[in-house]
Amino acid sequence: MGLRRLVLDVLKPLKDPSIVDVALQLSKVRGVEAVNITVNEVDVETLSLTIVIEGKDIDFEQVKSVLEEVGAAIHSIDQVVAGERLVEVPKR
């Protein structure tokens, strides 16, 4: 079934492209149905972002490629969901 959700901690240069452009580029990746980008921190030169991507059979290599093309780097992969459905973790 492939990847259903990715939650990525990403560092992106403050300069262009905007997070709107990044979201639109990621939404074109095979298998992606939704993209959510949250700015967590703004530094002098970088933005710290949480990027949540959902879909069916998301092409992770293409996601990485798009992020590299816009000058961003994946700092960590914070969540991965794979299979036929999403599994929600109960809140504590």
N, C-alpha and C. Protein backbone atom coordinates (compact mmCIF):
# COMPACT_ATOMS: atom_id res chain seq x y z
N MET A 1 0.83 -1.20 0.00
CA MET A 1 0.00 0.00 0.00
C MET A 1 0.87 1.26 0.00
N GLY A 2 2.04 1.22 0.57
CA GLY A 2 2.93 2.38 0.52
C GLY A 2 2.72 3.35 1.67
N LEU A 3 3.38 4.49 1.54
CA LEU A 3 3.34 5.52 2.59
C LEU A 3 2.05 6.31 2.54
N ARG A 4 1.47 6.53 3.72
CA ARG A 4 0.22 7.29 3.83
C ARG A 4 0.42 8.67 4.46
N ARG A 5 1.42 8.79 5.37
CA ARG A 5 1.67 10.07 6.03
C ARG A 5 3.16 10.19 6.36
N LEU A 6 3.70 11.37 6.14
CA LEU A 6 5.05 11.72 6.54
C LEU A 6 4.99 13.01 7.35
N VAL A 7 5.69 13.04 8.46
CA VAL A 7 5.85 14.27 9.22
C VAL A 7 7.35 14.54 9.26
N LEU A 8 7.75 15.64 8.65
CA LEU A 8 9.15 15.96 8.48
C LEU A 8 9.51 17.26 9.19
N ASP A 9 10.66 17.27 9.84
CA ASP A 9 11.24 18.49 10.41
C ASP A 9 12.24 18.96 9.36
N VAL A 10 12.00 20.14 8.80
CA VAL A 10 12.76 20.61 7.64
C VAL A 10 13.33 21.99 7.91
N LEU A 11 14.56 22.21 7.45
CA LEU A 11 15.18 23.53 7.48
C LEU A 11 15.22 24.06 6.05
N LYS A 12 14.70 25.29 5.88
CA LYS A 12 14.66 25.91 4.56
C LYS A 12 15.28 27.30 4.65
N PRO A 13 16.07 27.68 3.66
CA PRO A 13 16.60 29.04 3.67
C PRO A 13 15.45 30.06 3.72
N LEU A 14 15.69 31.17 4.38
CA LEU A 14 14.68 32.22 4.52
C LEU A 14 14.26 32.78 3.18
N LYS A 15 15.21 32.82 2.23
CA LYS A 15 14.91 33.37 0.91
C LYS A 15 13.95 32.46 0.14
N ASP A 16 13.59 32.93 -1.04
CA ASP A 16 12.66 32.18 -1.88
C ASP A 16 13.14 30.76 -2.11
N PRO A 17 12.22 29.86 -2.40
CA PRO A 17 10.79 30.04 -2.59
C PRO A 17 10.04 30.14 -1.27
N SER A 18 8.83 30.68 -1.35
CA SER A 18 7.99 30.80 -0.16
C SER A 18 7.47 29.43 0.24
N ILE A 19 6.92 29.34 1.46
CA ILE A 19 6.35 28.06 1.88
C ILE A 19 5.11 27.71 1.04
N VAL A 20 4.47 28.72 0.48
CA VAL A 20 3.33 28.46 -0.41
C VAL A 20 3.83 27.72 -1.64
N ASP A 21 4.93 28.21 -2.22
CA ASP A 21 5.50 27.55 -3.39
C ASP A 21 5.98 26.14 -3.07
N VAL A 22 6.59 25.96 -1.89
CA VAL A 22 7.06 24.64 -1.48
C VAL A 22 5.87 23.68 -1.36
N ALA A 23 4.79 24.13 -0.73
CA ALA A 23 3.59 23.29 -0.59
C ALA A 23 3.02 22.90 -1.94
N LEU A 24 2.98 23.86 -2.87
CA LEU A 24 2.44 23.57 -4.20
C LEU A 24 3.33 22.57 -4.94
N GLN A 25 4.65 22.70 -4.81
CA GLN A 25 5.57 21.74 -5.45
C GLN A 25 5.39 20.35 -4.86
N LEU A 26 5.30 20.27 -3.52
CA LEU A 26 5.12 18.96 -2.87
C LEU A 26 3.78 18.33 -3.24
N SER A 27 2.76 19.15 -3.45
CA SER A 27 1.44 18.60 -3.79
C SER A 27 1.43 17.93 -5.16
N LYS A 28 2.45 18.19 -5.98
CA LYS A 28 2.54 17.58 -7.31
C LYS A 28 3.23 16.21 -7.29
N VAL A 29 3.80 15.84 -6.14
CA VAL A 29 4.50 14.56 -6.03
C VAL A 29 3.50 13.41 -6.12
N ARG A 30 3.91 12.34 -6.80
CA ARG A 30 3.03 11.18 -6.97
C ARG A 30 2.56 10.66 -5.62
N GLY A 31 1.26 10.49 -5.49
CA GLY A 31 0.67 9.93 -4.28
C GLY A 31 0.27 10.95 -3.23
N VAL A 32 0.70 12.20 -3.38
CA VAL A 32 0.39 13.22 -2.37
C VAL A 32 -1.02 13.77 -2.59
N GLU A 33 -1.81 13.76 -1.51
CA GLU A 33 -3.17 14.31 -1.56
C GLU A 33 -3.30 15.59 -0.75
N ALA A 34 -2.43 15.78 0.25
CA ALA A 34 -2.50 16.97 1.09
C ALA A 34 -1.13 17.31 1.66
N VAL A 35 -0.87 18.61 1.79
CA VAL A 35 0.39 19.10 2.37
C VAL A 35 0.05 20.20 3.37
N ASN A 36 0.66 20.11 4.55
CA ASN A 36 0.50 21.13 5.58
C ASN A 36 1.89 21.56 6.02
N ILE A 37 2.19 22.86 5.92
CA ILE A 37 3.48 23.36 6.35
C ILE A 37 3.28 24.36 7.47
N THR A 38 3.96 24.13 8.60
CA THR A 38 3.89 25.02 9.75
C THR A 38 5.29 25.57 10.02
N VAL A 39 5.38 26.90 10.18
CA VAL A 39 6.65 27.53 10.54
C VAL A 39 6.79 27.46 12.05
N ASN A 40 7.86 26.82 12.51
CA ASN A 40 8.10 26.68 13.95
C ASN A 40 9.04 27.75 14.48
N GLU A 41 9.99 28.16 13.65
CA GLU A 41 10.99 29.11 14.10
C GLU A 41 11.57 29.84 12.89
N VAL A 42 11.84 31.13 13.08
CA VAL A 42 12.47 31.94 12.05
C VAL A 42 13.82 32.39 12.59
N ASP A 43 14.87 32.06 11.86
CA ASP A 43 16.22 32.47 12.23
C ASP A 43 16.65 33.54 11.23
N VAL A 44 17.85 34.04 11.39
CA VAL A 44 18.36 35.07 10.49
C VAL A 44 18.42 34.56 9.05
N GLU A 45 18.77 33.29 8.88
CA GLU A 45 18.95 32.75 7.53
C GLU A 45 18.02 31.58 7.19
N THR A 46 17.34 31.00 8.19
CA THR A 46 16.56 29.79 7.92
C THR A 46 15.17 29.83 8.55
N LEU A 47 14.31 28.98 8.01
CA LEU A 47 13.00 28.70 8.60
C LEU A 47 13.04 27.25 9.07
N SER A 48 12.54 27.00 10.27
CA SER A 48 12.36 25.65 10.76
C SER A 48 10.89 25.29 10.53
N LEU A 49 10.65 24.25 9.76
CA LEU A 49 9.30 23.89 9.33
C LEU A 49 8.92 22.48 9.78
N THR A 50 7.64 22.30 10.07
CA THR A 50 7.07 20.96 10.18
C THR A 50 6.21 20.77 8.94
N ILE A 51 6.53 19.75 8.16
CA ILE A 51 5.77 19.46 6.94
C ILE A 51 5.07 18.13 7.12
N VAL A 52 3.74 18.16 7.00
CA VAL A 52 2.92 16.95 7.08
C VAL A 52 2.39 16.68 5.68
N ILE A 53 2.64 15.48 5.20
CA ILE A 53 2.21 15.08 3.86
C ILE A 53 1.35 13.83 4.01
N GLU A 54 0.17 13.86 3.40
CA GLU A 54 -0.71 12.69 3.43
C GLU A 54 -1.12 12.32 2.02
N GLY A 55 -1.40 11.03 1.83
CA GLY A 55 -1.84 10.55 0.53
C GLY A 55 -1.84 9.04 0.49
N LYS A 56 -1.72 8.51 -0.69
CA LYS A 56 -1.67 7.06 -0.89
C LYS A 56 -0.43 6.76 -1.70
N ASP A 57 0.43 5.92 -1.15
CA ASP A 57 1.65 5.50 -1.84
C ASP A 57 2.52 6.71 -2.22
N ILE A 58 2.84 7.54 -1.22
CA ILE A 58 3.64 8.74 -1.41
C ILE A 58 5.05 8.33 -1.83
N ASP A 59 5.58 9.00 -2.83
CA ASP A 59 6.93 8.75 -3.33
C ASP A 59 7.92 9.56 -2.49
N PHE A 60 8.49 8.92 -1.46
CA PHE A 60 9.40 9.62 -0.53
C PHE A 60 10.64 10.16 -1.24
N GLU A 61 11.18 9.41 -2.17
CA GLU A 61 12.38 9.88 -2.88
C GLU A 61 12.08 11.16 -3.66
N GLN A 62 10.89 11.26 -4.23
CA GLN A 62 10.51 12.46 -4.96
C GLN A 62 10.27 13.62 -4.00
N VAL A 63 9.72 13.34 -2.81
CA VAL A 63 9.55 14.38 -1.78
C VAL A 63 10.92 14.94 -1.42
N LYS A 64 11.89 14.06 -1.16
CA LYS A 64 13.26 14.50 -0.84
C LYS A 64 13.84 15.33 -1.97
N SER A 65 13.62 14.90 -3.19
CA SER A 65 14.15 15.61 -4.35
C SER A 65 13.56 17.02 -4.47
N VAL A 66 12.26 17.15 -4.27
CA VAL A 66 11.62 18.47 -4.33
C VAL A 66 12.19 19.38 -3.25
N LEU A 67 12.35 18.86 -2.03
CA LEU A 67 12.89 19.67 -0.95
C LEU A 67 14.33 20.10 -1.25
N GLU A 68 15.13 19.21 -1.81
CA GLU A 68 16.50 19.57 -2.18
C GLU A 68 16.52 20.63 -3.26
N GLU A 69 15.60 20.54 -4.22
CA GLU A 69 15.53 21.52 -5.32
C GLU A 69 15.23 22.92 -4.81
N VAL A 70 14.47 23.03 -3.72
CA VAL A 70 14.14 24.36 -3.18
C VAL A 70 15.14 24.79 -2.12
N GLY A 71 16.21 24.01 -1.95
CA GLY A 71 17.26 24.38 -1.02
C GLY A 71 17.01 23.98 0.42
N ALA A 72 16.01 23.14 0.65
CA ALA A 72 15.66 22.70 2.01
C ALA A 72 16.34 21.37 2.33
N ALA A 73 16.45 21.11 3.63
CA ALA A 73 17.05 19.86 4.09
C ALA A 73 16.16 19.22 5.15
N ILE A 74 15.98 17.91 5.04
CA ILE A 74 15.22 17.19 6.06
C ILE A 74 16.12 17.03 7.28
N HIS A 75 15.69 17.63 8.38
CA HIS A 75 16.44 17.55 9.63
C HIS A 75 16.14 16.23 10.33
N SER A 76 14.86 15.83 10.33
CA SER A 76 14.47 14.54 10.89
C SER A 76 13.13 14.10 10.30
N ILE A 77 12.91 12.80 10.35
CA ILE A 77 11.62 12.23 9.97
C ILE A 77 10.93 11.89 11.28
N ASP A 78 9.87 12.63 11.61
CA ASP A 78 9.25 12.52 12.93
C ASP A 78 8.09 11.52 12.98
N GLN A 79 7.51 11.22 11.84
CA GLN A 79 6.44 10.21 11.81
C GLN A 79 6.31 9.64 10.41
N VAL A 80 6.07 8.34 10.35
CA VAL A 80 5.80 7.66 9.08
C VAL A 80 4.62 6.73 9.33
N VAL A 81 3.64 6.80 8.43
CA VAL A 81 2.51 5.87 8.49
C VAL A 81 2.43 5.18 7.14
N ALA A 82 2.34 3.85 7.17
CA ALA A 82 2.23 3.08 5.94
C ALA A 82 1.11 2.06 6.11
N GLY A 83 0.58 1.59 4.99
CA GLY A 83 -0.45 0.56 5.04
C GLY A 83 -1.73 1.02 4.39
N GLU A 84 -2.80 0.29 4.67
CA GLU A 84 -4.08 0.55 4.03
C GLU A 84 -4.84 1.73 4.64
N ARG A 85 -4.52 2.07 5.90
CA ARG A 85 -5.25 3.17 6.55
C ARG A 85 -4.32 3.90 7.51
N LEU A 86 -4.77 5.08 7.95
CA LEU A 86 -4.02 5.86 8.93
C LEU A 86 -4.31 5.34 10.32
N VAL A 87 -3.30 5.27 11.14
CA VAL A 87 -3.46 4.86 12.53
C VAL A 87 -3.25 6.10 13.40
N GLU A 88 -4.26 6.48 14.14
CA GLU A 88 -4.15 7.64 15.02
C GLU A 88 -3.73 7.19 16.40
N VAL A 89 -2.73 7.85 16.95
CA VAL A 89 -2.24 7.56 18.29
C VAL A 89 -3.10 8.31 19.28
N PRO A 90 -3.67 7.63 20.30
CA PRO A 90 -4.50 8.33 21.28
C PRO A 90 -3.69 9.38 22.02
N LYS A 91 -4.34 10.54 22.27
CA LYS A 91 -3.67 11.60 23.01
C LYS A 91 -3.64 11.26 24.49
N ARG A 92 -2.53 11.61 25.13
CA ARG A 92 -2.38 11.30 26.56
C ARG A 92 -2.86 12.43 27.40
